Amino acid sequence: MEEWVLKTEDLRVQFMHDGVYQTAVDGVSYEVQRGRTLGIVGESGSGKSVSSMSVMGLLPKPPHCLVEGKAYLRTADEEPVELISMSEEEKRRFRGRNISMIFQEPMTSLNPVQKCGAQVVEMLRQHEEVGRKEARDRVLKLFEEVKLPRPEKIFESYPHEISGGQKQRVMIAMALICHPNLLIADEPTTALDVTVQKTILELLRSLQQKYNIGIIFITHDLGVIAQIADDVAVMYKGKIVEQGPAEKVLHHPQHPYTQGLLACRPPLDSRPHRLPTVKEFLEGREVAQPEADGAMAFTQKTGEPLMSVRDLEVTYALEKNIFGKTTKELKAVDGFSFDIFEGETLGLVGESGCGKSTLGRTLLRLLDHSSGTITYRGHNLDKLSHSEQHELRRKVQIVFQDPYSSLNPRITIGEAILEPLRCHHLYSSSSERRERVMQLMKQVGLEPEWYNRYPHEFSGGQRQRVCIARALILEPELVVCDESVSALDVSVQAQVLNLLNELKETYGYTYLFITHDLSVVKFLSDRIMVMEKGRLVETAPSDELFAHPQHPYTQRLLSAIPRV
């Protein structure tokens, strides 16, 4: 029988809010075995991260936060120790040496004004008595182990000088430098592309086998859980509703919440007309199993394209001389050509940094292009007058990736949705505009009585619905969705994807859907374009691209998709 490295018993966490304690974690008990990975899965707000941060002793002090229960850690050379009741000094000694954590966002976890190597050296020297040279050598050796290219160069680099995947590897090295018994990975691959995500998961697996450490892997993505976890605990509203071996939980789920989480992921082997939602499972409603839907089959559009792009190039200046002349530039979009036809959803996929968002923003004239042409209904966008450009803004809208930063926190959501109507002088009175806003709020699943609430009072999924309503209030012809569901939980994602499809069917919208999530793009798109380093490498109908990818890059992307 395996030896456990962490055991929690009846863990409870409460936060003070408006003078009243609210429960975030409610009686959670689990074990993490040495050399095995426990996957904790659930949506935002389910208590996944809070339960692990309570074990690490990283939560606010009383009276702001109360932590009860027991958490026992078994180290290599000592009897099990109880973490919750430890003093702050003892916790500081244990953190990093016996128990480490990789946080979700590597950019905010690394010090931006300190070199990467120095940050890992600091971690090592904090817990072990080693000289500078020995510390440097050990860090460089670990940088090689976590497969960082050019370890010496990255040792001397600042966080902003390396990619997201490389930053995450530096974080993994920092967490493992003292050979801890337990590693907590809190959504470490959420912001990464599928190919980078796959290599990070393989890396964690190999390091776990080498050092025989226990891992808690926190995520809301069941595909990722299937790749890495030996055991699974499913959390919902602060409680564990189901736990057991990964094979059993993922293939024979017992709780309606687990069944819903699994069902609402867009399938890769069929094209359902709509995705089931977690809410339907929790309410015990009859949920139709997704089947290949003939109505979703792609039919080649003919006639004049709505938008036509030819040989588009967008360049950024990387370096300039003292006279302001560009000496080094980057081609973010390189000779890109395509057509979008009225009433279709055109998907655009590729890894971070390939130029997807730059392309989307250039089409809306939010960025300038250096060469090439963009025509909309036969009109060259470069030759439009100021008033014609203003009219184009009404016809082409964008839904941004981050619903948090794309809404003004100082104005109510009703005012945010109404603002475009005022800018374009639509409807004759304020009461008519307000009535139109209320009507659209209902259509996108927002209650009209929420009109006077502020963005911070809503969840991520609700905020994204506000952004969608704001884009659609002008009844545009083309909507650019720039990674508009990538920040959402799978259940909220299913609701937003269903909403986009319903609105397309009702009003005949045309979408350019930009994403790095291939299962989402397959569900939503008629055709898919694949972008690599600013270039278009492949275009095909959605089903055809998944069944018979032609370009090696497309094949690599598809092979990296995590599957349950």
Protein backbone atom coordinates (compact mmCIF):
# COMPACT_ATOMS: atom_id res chain seq x y z
CA MET A 1 0.00 0.00 0.00
CA GLU A 2 1.24 3.50 -0.90
CA GLU A 3 2.29 5.91 1.78
CA TRP A 4 0.38 9.16 2.02
CA VAL A 5 2.35 12.41 2.02
CA LEU A 6 -0.58 14.77 2.84
CA LYS A 7 -3.83 14.00 4.64
CA THR A 8 -6.54 16.58 5.36
CA GLU A 9 -9.39 15.96 7.81
CA ASP A 10 -12.59 18.04 7.85
CA LEU A 11 -10.89 21.17 6.49
CA ARG A 12 -13.07 24.31 6.78
CA VAL A 13 -12.32 27.85 5.62
CA GLN A 14 -14.50 30.91 6.29
CA PHE A 15 -14.00 34.49 5.08
CA MET A 16 -15.37 37.61 6.76
CA HIS A 17 -17.69 39.54 4.40
CA ASP A 18 -19.76 42.53 5.59
CA GLY A 19 -19.35 41.41 9.22
CA VAL A 20 -20.57 37.86 8.53
CA TYR A 21 -18.47 34.71 8.02
CA GLN A 22 -19.11 32.93 4.72
CA THR A 23 -17.96 29.34 4.16
CA ALA A 24 -15.59 28.78 1.19
CA VAL A 25 -14.42 25.25 2.08
CA ASP A 26 -16.80 22.98 3.96
CA GLY A 27 -15.47 19.78 5.57
CA VAL A 28 -12.93 18.67 2.92
CA SER A 29 -10.98 15.43 3.56
CA TYR A 30 -8.53 13.75 1.15
CA GLU A 31 -5.17 11.99 0.97
CA VAL A 32 -2.28 12.51 -1.45
CA GLN A 33 -0.08 9.43 -1.94
CA ARG A 34 3.67 9.66 -2.46
CA GLY A 35 4.50 9.35 -6.17
CA ARG A 36 0.86 9.91 -7.20
CA THR A 37 -1.16 12.91 -8.41
CA LEU A 38 -4.47 13.97 -6.90
CA GLY A 39 -6.45 16.07 -9.37
CA ILE A 40 -8.84 18.55 -7.70
CA VAL A 41 -11.40 19.67 -10.26
CA GLY A 42 -14.27 22.15 -10.10
CA GLU A 43 -15.39 25.54 -11.33
CA SER A 44 -14.23 28.99 -10.19
CA GLY A 45 -15.39 29.61 -6.63
CA SER A 46 -15.71 25.91 -5.74
CA GLY A 47 -12.94 26.16 -3.12
CA LYS A 48 -10.15 24.32 -5.00
CA SER A 49 -7.41 26.92 -4.58
CA VAL A 50 -8.57 28.10 -1.13
CA SER A 51 -8.31 24.56 0.31
CA SER A 52 -4.72 24.23 -0.92
CA MET A 53 -3.70 27.72 0.17
CA SER A 54 -4.99 26.94 3.66
CA VAL A 55 -2.63 23.94 3.75
CA MET A 56 0.25 26.22 2.66
CA GLY A 57 -0.71 28.85 5.27
CA LEU A 58 -1.13 31.55 2.61
CA LEU A 59 -4.61 32.81 3.56
CA PRO A 60 -5.31 36.07 5.47
CA LYS A 61 -5.02 35.97 9.25
CA PRO A 62 -8.01 35.95 11.66
CA PRO A 63 -10.44 37.63 11.94
CA HIS A 64 -10.49 38.10 8.14
CA CYS A 65 -10.22 34.35 7.58
CA LEU A 66 -10.80 31.34 9.87
CA VAL A 67 -9.25 27.94 9.07
CA GLU A 68 -10.35 24.82 10.99
CA GLY A 69 -9.62 21.11 10.67
CA LYS A 70 -6.36 19.19 10.30
CA ALA A 71 -3.75 18.83 7.55
CA TYR A 72 -0.94 16.32 8.19
CA LEU A 73 2.27 16.39 6.13
CA ARG A 74 4.63 13.41 6.18
CA THR A 75 8.25 14.37 5.53
CA ALA A 76 11.07 11.98 4.61
CA ASP A 77 12.82 11.96 7.98
CA GLU A 78 10.20 12.91 10.56
CA GLU A 79 6.84 11.91 11.98
CA PRO A 80 3.76 13.52 10.32
CA VAL A 81 3.35 17.18 11.30
CA GLU A 82 0.08 19.10 11.56
CA LEU A 83 0.22 22.21 9.35
CA ILE A 84 -2.89 24.23 10.31
CA SER A 85 -1.92 24.75 13.96
CA MET A 86 1.73 25.66 13.19
CA SER A 87 3.13 29.06 14.07
CA GLU A 88 3.92 31.47 11.23
CA GLU A 89 7.65 30.91 11.72
CA GLU A 90 7.29 27.11 11.44
CA LYS A 91 5.12 27.43 8.32
CA ARG A 92 7.75 29.64 6.70
CA ARG A 93 10.38 26.96 7.39
CA PHE A 94 8.20 24.24 5.84
CA ARG A 95 7.09 26.19 2.76
CA GLY A 96 9.48 25.65 -0.12
CA ARG A 97 11.50 22.97 1.68
CA ASN A 98 8.80 20.35 2.33
CA ILE A 99 5.79 21.69 0.44
CA SER A 100 5.86 23.91 -2.68
CA MET A 101 3.31 25.59 -4.92
CA ILE A 102 3.20 26.55 -8.62
CA PHE A 103 0.73 29.38 -9.13
CA GLN A 104 -1.63 29.91 -12.05
CA GLU A 105 -0.11 33.07 -13.50
CA PRO A 106 3.70 32.88 -13.81
CA MET A 107 4.02 36.54 -14.82
CA THR A 108 2.61 37.79 -11.51
CA SER A 109 4.37 35.07 -9.47
CA LEU A 110 7.86 36.08 -10.64
CA ASN A 111 9.51 39.32 -9.54
CA PRO A 112 9.71 41.49 -12.69
CA VAL A 113 12.81 43.41 -11.52
CA GLN A 114 14.89 40.35 -10.58
CA LYS A 115 16.57 37.93 -12.97
CA CYS A 116 15.03 34.43 -13.22
CA GLY A 117 18.15 32.63 -11.99
CA ALA A 118 18.54 34.90 -8.96
CA GLN A 119 14.96 34.21 -7.89
CA VAL A 120 15.50 30.43 -7.87
CA VAL A 121 18.91 30.80 -6.15
CA GLU A 122 17.22 32.90 -3.44
CA MET A 123 14.70 30.11 -2.84
CA LEU A 124 17.49 27.52 -2.47
CA ARG A 125 19.68 29.63 -0.14
CA GLN A 126 16.66 30.49 2.02
CA HIS A 127 16.31 26.83 3.02
CA GLU A 128 19.79 25.30 2.58
CA GLU A 129 23.28 26.43 3.52
CA VAL A 130 24.98 26.52 0.12
CA GLY A 131 27.49 28.90 -1.45
CA ARG A 132 26.68 31.10 -4.45
CA LYS A 133 28.59 28.95 -6.96
CA GLU A 134 27.04 25.67 -5.80
CA ALA A 135 23.57 27.29 -5.80
CA ARG A 136 24.10 28.59 -9.35
CA ASP A 137 25.29 25.15 -10.56
CA ARG A 138 22.29 23.41 -8.98
CA VAL A 139 19.84 25.90 -10.51
CA LEU A 140 21.41 25.55 -13.98
CA LYS A 141 21.24 21.74 -13.68
CA LEU A 142 17.53 21.98 -12.73
CA PHE A 143 16.89 24.43 -15.60
CA GLU A 144 18.23 21.69 -17.91
CA GLU A 145 15.98 19.11 -16.22
CA VAL A 146 12.86 21.23 -16.76
CA LYS A 147 13.95 21.48 -20.42
CA LEU A 148 14.58 25.21 -20.58
CA PRO A 149 16.48 26.11 -23.77
CA ARG A 150 19.83 27.90 -23.18
CA PRO A 151 19.78 27.63 -19.34
CA GLU A 152 22.67 30.13 -18.90
CA LYS A 153 20.85 32.80 -20.95
CA ILE A 154 17.54 32.28 -19.11
CA PHE A 155 19.41 32.38 -15.77
CA GLU A 156 20.45 35.95 -16.69
CA SER A 157 17.07 36.95 -18.23
CA TYR A 158 14.24 38.96 -16.68
CA PRO A 159 10.74 37.38 -16.69
CA HIS A 160 9.45 39.70 -19.46
CA GLU A 161 12.22 38.49 -21.78
CA ILE A 162 10.99 34.87 -21.92
CA SER A 163 7.77 33.21 -23.13
CA GLY A 164 4.82 32.10 -20.96
CA GLY A 165 5.80 28.43 -21.22
CA GLN A 166 9.39 29.24 -20.21
CA LYS A 167 8.19 31.34 -17.25
CA GLN A 168 6.10 28.38 -16.09
CA ARG A 169 9.20 26.12 -16.28
CA VAL A 170 11.14 28.63 -14.15
CA MET A 171 8.29 28.44 -11.61
CA ILE A 172 8.44 24.62 -11.67
CA ALA A 173 12.22 24.78 -11.11
CA MET A 174 11.71 27.18 -8.18
CA ALA A 175 9.13 24.83 -6.64
CA LEU A 176 11.37 21.76 -7.00
CA ILE A 177 14.80 23.22 -6.12
CA CYS A 178 14.59 22.02 -2.48
CA HIS A 179 13.14 18.57 -3.42
CA PRO A 180 9.82 18.97 -1.52
CA ASN A 181 7.66 16.00 -0.51
CA LEU A 182 4.50 17.66 -1.88
CA LEU A 183 3.96 19.93 -4.89
CA ILE A 184 0.71 21.89 -5.32
CA ALA A 185 0.12 22.97 -8.95
CA ASP A 186 -2.72 25.54 -9.07
CA GLU A 187 -4.04 25.74 -12.67
CA PRO A 188 -0.43 25.80 -14.02
CA THR A 189 -1.45 25.22 -17.66
CA THR A 190 -4.65 27.29 -17.97
CA ALA A 191 -3.03 30.21 -19.82
CA LEU A 192 -0.88 28.00 -22.05
CA ASP A 193 -1.38 26.66 -25.59
CA VAL A 194 -2.20 22.98 -26.05
CA THR A 195 1.30 22.12 -27.29
CA VAL A 196 3.04 23.93 -24.38
CA GLN A 197 0.46 22.47 -21.98
CA LYS A 198 1.26 18.95 -23.18
CA THR A 199 5.01 19.39 -22.63
CA ILE A 200 4.46 20.90 -19.14
CA LEU A 201 2.23 17.94 -18.13
CA GLU A 202 4.80 15.43 -19.45
CA LEU A 203 7.54 17.33 -17.60
CA LEU A 204 5.63 17.19 -14.28
CA ARG A 205 5.04 13.46 -14.74
CA SER A 206 8.73 12.73 -15.40
CA LEU A 207 9.93 14.88 -12.47
CA GLN A 208 7.39 13.22 -10.18
CA GLN A 209 8.69 9.76 -11.11
CA LYS A 210 12.30 10.87 -10.66
CA TYR A 211 11.83 12.45 -7.20
CA ASN A 212 8.84 10.36 -6.00
CA ILE A 213 6.82 13.40 -4.89
CA GLY A 214 3.10 13.70 -4.28
CA ILE A 215 1.30 16.27 -6.47
CA ILE A 216 -2.01 18.11 -6.03
CA PHE A 217 -3.05 19.33 -9.48
CA ILE A 218 -5.85 21.92 -9.42
CA THR A 219 -7.78 22.66 -12.63
CA HIS A 220 -11.24 23.11 -14.13
CA ASP A 221 -10.28 21.16 -17.28
CA LEU A 222 -11.19 17.47 -17.12
CA GLY A 223 -9.13 16.79 -20.25
CA VAL A 224 -6.01 17.90 -18.38
CA ILE A 225 -7.04 15.84 -15.31
CA ALA A 226 -7.31 12.75 -17.55
CA GLN A 227 -3.71 13.28 -18.72
CA ILE A 228 -2.02 13.71 -15.34
CA ALA A 229 -4.13 12.58 -12.35
CA ASP A 230 -4.08 9.13 -10.68
CA ASP A 231 -6.88 10.10 -8.28
CA VAL A 232 -9.60 12.75 -8.64
CA ALA A 233 -11.61 14.84 -6.17
CA VAL A 234 -14.50 16.87 -7.60
CA MET A 235 -15.40 20.05 -5.67
CA TYR A 236 -18.69 21.93 -5.80
CA LYS A 237 -19.65 24.85 -3.53
CA GLY A 238 -16.85 24.13 -1.04
CA LYS A 239 -17.52 20.38 -0.69
CA ILE A 240 -16.02 17.29 -2.31
CA VAL A 241 -18.99 15.70 -4.08
CA GLU A 242 -17.10 12.77 -5.60
CA GLN A 243 -13.62 11.28 -5.31
CA GLY A 244 -11.79 8.12 -6.30
CA PRO A 245 -9.36 6.72 -8.89
CA ALA A 246 -9.27 8.87 -12.06
CA GLU A 247 -10.40 5.99 -14.29
CA LYS A 248 -13.52 5.43 -12.20
CA VAL A 249 -14.51 9.10 -11.72
CA LEU A 250 -13.95 10.08 -15.36
CA HIS A 251 -15.56 7.05 -17.00
CA HIS A 252 -18.27 6.17 -14.47
CA PRO A 253 -19.21 9.46 -12.75
CA GLN A 254 -21.87 9.08 -10.05
CA HIS A 255 -22.66 12.68 -9.05
CA PRO A 256 -24.78 14.84 -11.43
CA TYR A 257 -22.23 17.66 -11.14
CA THR A 258 -19.38 15.44 -12.38
CA GLN A 259 -21.59 14.10 -15.16
CA GLY A 260 -22.41 17.69 -16.18
CA LEU A 261 -18.75 18.80 -16.17
CA LEU A 262 -17.84 15.90 -18.45
CA ALA A 263 -20.83 16.38 -20.78
CA CYS A 264 -20.47 20.12 -21.35
CA ARG A 265 -16.99 19.88 -22.91
CA PRO A 266 -17.32 20.29 -26.71
CA PRO A 267 -16.83 16.77 -28.17
CA LEU A 268 -14.15 16.12 -30.80
CA ASP A 269 -15.94 13.22 -32.52
CA SER A 270 -19.35 14.83 -33.21
CA ARG A 271 -21.07 18.17 -33.96
CA PRO A 272 -23.97 18.60 -31.52
CA HIS A 273 -26.47 21.37 -32.21
CA ARG A 274 -26.08 22.60 -28.60
CA LEU A 275 -23.99 21.62 -25.59
CA PRO A 276 -25.60 20.28 -22.41
CA THR A 277 -24.99 22.44 -19.32
CA VAL A 278 -24.11 21.54 -15.72
CA LYS A 279 -27.32 23.24 -14.55
CA GLU A 280 -29.44 20.73 -16.52
CA PHE A 281 -27.71 17.80 -14.80
CA LEU A 282 -28.01 19.35 -11.32
CA GLU A 283 -31.72 20.00 -11.85
CA GLY A 284 -32.22 16.39 -12.94
CA ARG A 285 -33.49 17.38 -16.38
CA GLU A 286 -33.41 14.87 -19.24
CA VAL A 287 -30.28 15.70 -21.21
CA ALA A 288 -30.08 14.57 -24.82
CA GLN A 289 -26.71 13.00 -25.62
CA PRO A 290 -24.77 14.97 -28.25
CA GLU A 291 -24.92 13.32 -31.64
CA ALA A 292 -23.50 14.25 -35.00
CA ASP A 293 -25.98 16.78 -36.29
CA GLY A 294 -26.59 16.98 -40.00
CA ALA A 295 -27.89 20.53 -39.67
CA MET A 296 -24.43 21.65 -38.53
CA ALA A 297 -22.71 20.23 -41.63
CA PHE A 298 -20.77 22.82 -43.63
CA THR A 299 -22.09 23.99 -46.98
CA GLN A 300 -19.69 26.00 -49.13
CA LYS A 301 -20.77 29.64 -49.26
CA THR A 302 -20.91 31.27 -52.68
CA GLY A 303 -21.27 34.77 -54.07
CA GLU A 304 -19.56 37.94 -52.89
CA PRO A 305 -17.67 37.64 -49.58
CA LEU A 306 -18.70 39.92 -46.71
CA MET A 307 -15.05 40.71 -45.99
CA SER A 308 -12.05 40.00 -48.18
CA VAL A 309 -8.41 40.23 -47.04
CA ARG A 310 -5.48 40.10 -49.46
CA ASP A 311 -1.72 39.92 -48.68
CA LEU A 312 -2.16 41.61 -45.29
CA GLU A 313 1.02 42.48 -43.40
CA VAL A 314 1.31 44.02 -39.93
CA THR A 315 4.75 44.86 -38.57
CA TYR A 316 5.95 46.05 -35.16
CA ALA A 317 9.16 48.02 -34.60
CA LEU A 318 11.38 46.12 -32.16
CA GLU A 319 14.37 48.49 -32.20
CA LYS A 320 14.93 52.07 -33.36
CA ASN A 321 18.09 54.14 -33.74
CA ILE A 322 18.60 57.60 -32.20
CA PHE A 323 16.92 59.21 -35.25
CA GLY A 324 13.73 57.17 -34.72
CA LYS A 325 14.34 54.96 -37.74
CA THR A 326 13.32 51.30 -37.29
CA THR A 327 16.37 49.01 -37.34
CA LYS A 328 14.65 45.77 -36.34
CA GLU A 329 11.03 44.78 -36.92
CA LEU A 330 8.70 41.85 -36.36
CA LYS A 331 6.13 40.71 -38.92
CA ALA A 332 3.17 39.82 -36.71
CA VAL A 333 0.93 39.12 -39.75
CA ASP A 334 2.76 38.01 -42.88
CA GLY A 335 0.99 37.94 -46.26
CA PHE A 336 -2.42 36.78 -44.93
CA SER A 337 -5.34 36.30 -47.40
CA PHE A 338 -8.87 34.99 -46.77
CA ASP A 339 -12.59 35.63 -47.30
CA ILE A 340 -15.47 35.61 -44.80
CA PHE A 341 -18.92 34.93 -46.22
CA GLU A 342 -22.17 36.20 -44.79
CA GLY A 343 -23.77 33.93 -42.17
CA GLU A 344 -20.74 31.68 -41.56
CA THR A 345 -18.50 31.19 -38.53
CA LEU A 346 -14.85 31.25 -39.55
CA GLY A 347 -12.48 29.90 -36.88
CA LEU A 348 -8.88 31.12 -36.49
CA VAL A 349 -6.54 28.95 -34.40
CA GLY A 350 -2.86 29.01 -33.52
CA GLU A 351 -0.55 29.29 -30.55
CA SER A 352 -0.01 32.43 -28.45
CA GLY A 353 2.11 34.96 -30.29
CA CYS A 354 1.22 33.68 -33.78
CA GLY A 355 -0.62 36.93 -34.66
CA LYS A 356 -4.30 35.93 -34.22
CA SER A 357 -5.38 38.88 -32.05
CA THR A 358 -3.27 41.31 -34.11
CA LEU A 359 -5.11 40.15 -37.24
CA GLY A 360 -8.53 40.49 -35.56
CA ARG A 361 -7.80 44.03 -34.36
CA THR A 362 -6.39 45.06 -37.74
CA LEU A 363 -9.65 44.01 -39.44
CA LEU A 364 -11.49 46.45 -37.15
CA ARG A 365 -8.92 49.21 -37.88
CA LEU A 366 -7.86 49.22 -34.21
CA LEU A 367 -4.32 48.60 -35.55
CA ASP A 368 -2.73 49.84 -38.79
CA HIS A 369 -1.40 47.45 -41.42
CA SER A 370 1.80 48.07 -43.36
CA SER A 371 0.61 46.54 -46.65
CA GLY A 372 -2.22 44.56 -48.24
CA THR A 373 -5.94 45.33 -48.57
CA ILE A 374 -9.08 44.77 -46.48
CA THR A 375 -12.40 45.17 -48.31
CA TYR A 376 -15.83 45.10 -46.68
CA ARG A 377 -18.78 44.59 -49.04
CA GLY A 378 -16.47 45.63 -51.88
CA HIS A 379 -15.26 48.88 -50.17
CA ASN A 380 -11.55 49.26 -49.46
CA LEU A 381 -11.25 50.16 -45.76
CA ASP A 382 -8.13 52.28 -46.39
CA LYS A 383 -10.15 54.68 -48.57
CA LEU A 384 -13.10 55.29 -46.23
CA SER A 385 -13.89 58.80 -45.05
CA HIS A 386 -14.22 59.56 -41.33
CA SER A 387 -18.03 59.26 -41.44
CA GLU A 388 -17.81 55.98 -43.41
CA GLN A 389 -15.38 54.59 -40.83
CA HIS A 390 -17.85 55.56 -38.09
CA GLU A 391 -20.57 53.63 -39.95
CA LEU A 392 -18.24 50.63 -40.34
CA ARG A 393 -17.74 50.58 -36.54
CA ARG A 394 -21.46 49.90 -36.25
CA LYS A 395 -21.34 46.98 -38.69
CA VAL A 396 -18.20 45.26 -37.34
CA GLN A 397 -17.90 44.64 -33.58
CA ILE A 398 -15.49 42.79 -31.28
CA VAL A 399 -15.86 40.75 -28.07
CA PHE A 400 -12.52 40.88 -26.20
CA GLN A 401 -10.85 38.04 -24.33
CA ASP A 402 -10.94 39.47 -20.83
CA PRO A 403 -14.41 40.46 -19.56
CA TYR A 404 -12.78 42.03 -16.47
CA SER A 405 -10.64 44.67 -18.20
CA SER A 406 -12.94 45.34 -21.17
CA LEU A 407 -15.72 46.78 -18.96
CA ASN A 408 -15.47 50.16 -17.23
CA PRO A 409 -15.73 49.40 -13.48
CA ARG A 410 -17.25 52.84 -12.81
CA ILE A 411 -20.38 52.51 -14.98
CA THR A 412 -23.27 50.09 -14.56
CA ILE A 413 -23.64 47.19 -16.99
CA GLY A 414 -26.85 48.71 -18.36
CA GLU A 415 -25.02 51.95 -19.19
CA ALA A 416 -22.13 49.95 -20.73
CA ILE A 417 -24.54 48.17 -23.11
CA LEU A 418 -26.46 51.40 -23.86
CA GLU A 419 -23.36 53.52 -24.60
CA PRO A 420 -22.90 52.35 -28.26
CA LEU A 421 -26.55 53.33 -29.02
CA ARG A 422 -25.82 56.83 -27.78
CA CYS A 423 -22.55 57.06 -29.76
CA HIS A 424 -24.32 56.10 -33.00
CA HIS A 425 -27.45 58.23 -32.27
CA LEU A 426 -29.81 55.25 -32.52
CA TYR A 427 -33.40 55.50 -31.21
CA SER A 428 -35.00 58.87 -30.54
CA SER A 429 -35.14 58.87 -26.74
CA SER A 430 -33.32 57.54 -23.66
CA SER A 431 -36.35 55.48 -22.63
CA GLU A 432 -36.40 53.69 -26.03
CA ARG A 433 -32.68 52.93 -25.76
CA ARG A 434 -33.11 51.62 -22.22
CA GLU A 435 -35.99 49.42 -23.36
CA ARG A 436 -33.84 47.98 -26.17
CA VAL A 437 -31.04 47.25 -23.66
CA MET A 438 -33.48 45.44 -21.33
CA GLN A 439 -34.75 43.35 -24.25
CA LEU A 440 -31.23 42.33 -25.31
CA MET A 441 -30.21 41.57 -21.70
CA LYS A 442 -33.02 39.00 -21.56
CA GLN A 443 -31.86 37.46 -24.86
CA VAL A 444 -28.28 36.93 -23.60
CA GLY A 445 -29.44 35.50 -20.25
CA LEU A 446 -29.08 38.58 -18.01
CA GLU A 447 -31.92 39.73 -15.75
CA PRO A 448 -33.21 43.24 -16.71
CA GLU A 449 -33.30 44.20 -13.01
CA TRP A 450 -29.47 43.94 -13.01
CA TYR A 451 -29.31 47.08 -15.21
CA ASN A 452 -27.96 49.28 -12.38
CA ARG A 453 -25.40 46.82 -11.04
CA TYR A 454 -21.64 47.28 -11.53
CA PRO A 455 -19.26 44.79 -13.26
CA HIS A 456 -17.63 43.66 -9.98
CA GLU A 457 -21.00 42.26 -8.83
CA PHE A 458 -20.99 39.62 -11.59
CA SER A 459 -19.18 36.35 -12.29
CA GLY A 460 -16.80 35.98 -15.26
CA GLY A 461 -19.45 34.26 -17.38
CA GLN A 462 -22.05 36.95 -16.66
CA ARG A 463 -19.52 39.68 -17.48
CA GLN A 464 -18.78 38.00 -20.80
CA ARG A 465 -22.52 38.04 -21.56
CA VAL A 466 -22.48 41.79 -20.88
CA CYS A 467 -19.60 42.16 -23.38
CA ILE A 468 -21.52 40.08 -25.95
CA ALA A 469 -24.66 42.20 -25.41
CA ARG A 470 -22.60 45.39 -25.83
CA ALA A 471 -21.19 44.10 -29.14
CA LEU A 472 -24.61 42.98 -30.43
CA ILE A 473 -26.68 46.03 -29.38
CA LEU A 474 -25.82 47.74 -32.70
CA GLU A 475 -27.01 44.68 -34.67
CA PRO A 476 -23.65 44.29 -36.46
CA GLU A 477 -23.07 42.15 -39.54
CA LEU A 478 -19.67 40.78 -38.48
CA VAL A 479 -18.59 39.98 -34.90
CA VAL A 480 -14.93 39.23 -34.08
CA CYS A 481 -14.73 37.01 -30.96
CA ASP A 482 -11.14 37.26 -29.69
CA GLU A 483 -10.57 34.35 -27.27
CA SER A 484 -13.96 35.29 -25.79
CA VAL A 485 -14.52 32.01 -23.88
CA SER A 486 -10.96 31.03 -22.94
CA ALA A 487 -11.16 32.61 -19.45
CA LEU A 488 -14.40 30.81 -18.56
CA ASP A 489 -15.16 27.55 -16.75
CA VAL A 490 -16.32 24.69 -18.99
CA SER A 491 -19.95 24.95 -17.83
CA VAL A 492 -20.10 28.74 -18.36
CA GLN A 493 -18.24 28.24 -21.65
CA ALA A 494 -20.99 25.83 -22.80
CA GLN A 495 -23.68 28.42 -22.01
CA VAL A 496 -21.84 31.20 -23.92
CA LEU A 497 -21.17 28.94 -26.94
CA ASN A 498 -24.84 27.91 -27.06
CA LEU A 499 -25.79 31.60 -26.84
CA LEU A 500 -23.50 32.55 -29.77
CA ASN A 501 -25.01 29.77 -31.90
CA GLU A 502 -28.60 30.74 -31.00
CA LEU A 503 -27.97 34.40 -31.82
CA LYS A 504 -26.38 33.41 -35.14
CA GLU A 505 -29.43 31.32 -36.06
CA THR A 506 -31.89 34.04 -35.01
CA TYR A 507 -30.16 37.11 -36.48
CA GLY A 508 -27.81 35.64 -39.12
CA TYR A 509 -24.61 37.02 -37.56
CA THR A 510 -21.24 36.31 -39.15
CA TYR A 511 -18.44 35.42 -36.71
CA LEU A 512 -14.66 35.41 -36.90
CA PHE A 513 -13.89 33.21 -33.89
CA ILE A 514 -10.28 33.50 -32.65
CA THR A 515 -9.11 30.90 -30.11
CA HIS A 516 -6.36 28.46 -29.17
CA ASP A 517 -8.94 25.90 -27.92
CA LEU A 518 -9.43 23.41 -30.75
CA SER A 519 -12.45 21.58 -29.28
CA VAL A 520 -14.32 24.91 -28.98
CA VAL A 521 -13.47 25.97 -32.53
CA LYS A 522 -14.64 22.62 -33.93
CA PHE A 523 -18.03 22.94 -32.21
CA LEU A 524 -18.66 26.50 -33.37
CA SER A 525 -16.99 26.91 -36.77
CA ASP A 526 -17.99 26.11 -40.35
CA ARG A 527 -14.44 26.61 -41.62
CA ILE A 528 -11.14 26.85 -39.74
CA MET A 529 -7.94 28.74 -40.58
CA VAL A 530 -4.67 27.66 -38.93
CA MET A 531 -2.08 30.38 -38.28
CA GLU A 532 1.61 29.85 -37.52
CA LYS A 533 4.11 32.68 -37.00
CA GLY A 534 1.91 35.22 -38.79
CA ARG A 535 1.22 33.02 -41.82
CA LEU A 536 -1.86 31.08 -42.93
CA VAL A 537 -0.76 27.44 -43.18
CA GLU A 538 -4.10 25.66 -43.74
CA THR A 539 -7.82 26.35 -44.30
CA ALA A 540 -10.53 23.68 -44.46
CA PRO A 541 -14.11 22.91 -43.38
CA SER A 542 -14.13 22.13 -39.65
CA ASP A 543 -14.85 18.38 -39.82
CA GLU A 544 -12.43 17.89 -42.71
CA LEU A 545 -9.59 19.68 -40.92
CA PHE A 546 -10.00 17.47 -37.81
CA ALA A 547 -10.35 14.27 -39.84
CA HIS A 548 -7.54 14.92 -42.37
CA PRO A 549 -5.14 17.69 -41.27
CA GLN A 550 -2.62 18.36 -44.05
CA HIS A 551 0.02 20.64 -42.53
CA PRO A 552 2.48 19.22 -39.93
CA TYR A 553 1.74 22.19 -37.61
CA THR A 554 -2.02 21.43 -37.67
CA GLN A 555 -1.27 17.76 -37.00
CA ARG A 556 0.90 18.75 -34.02
CA LEU A 557 -1.84 21.01 -32.60
CA LEU A 558 -4.50 18.32 -32.93
CA SER A 559 -2.32 15.60 -31.36
CA ALA A 560 -1.78 17.83 -28.28
CA ILE A 561 -5.50 18.23 -27.42
CA PRO A 562 -6.13 16.73 -23.94
CA ARG A 563 -8.86 14.06 -24.16
CA VAL A 564 -10.85 12.33 -21.43
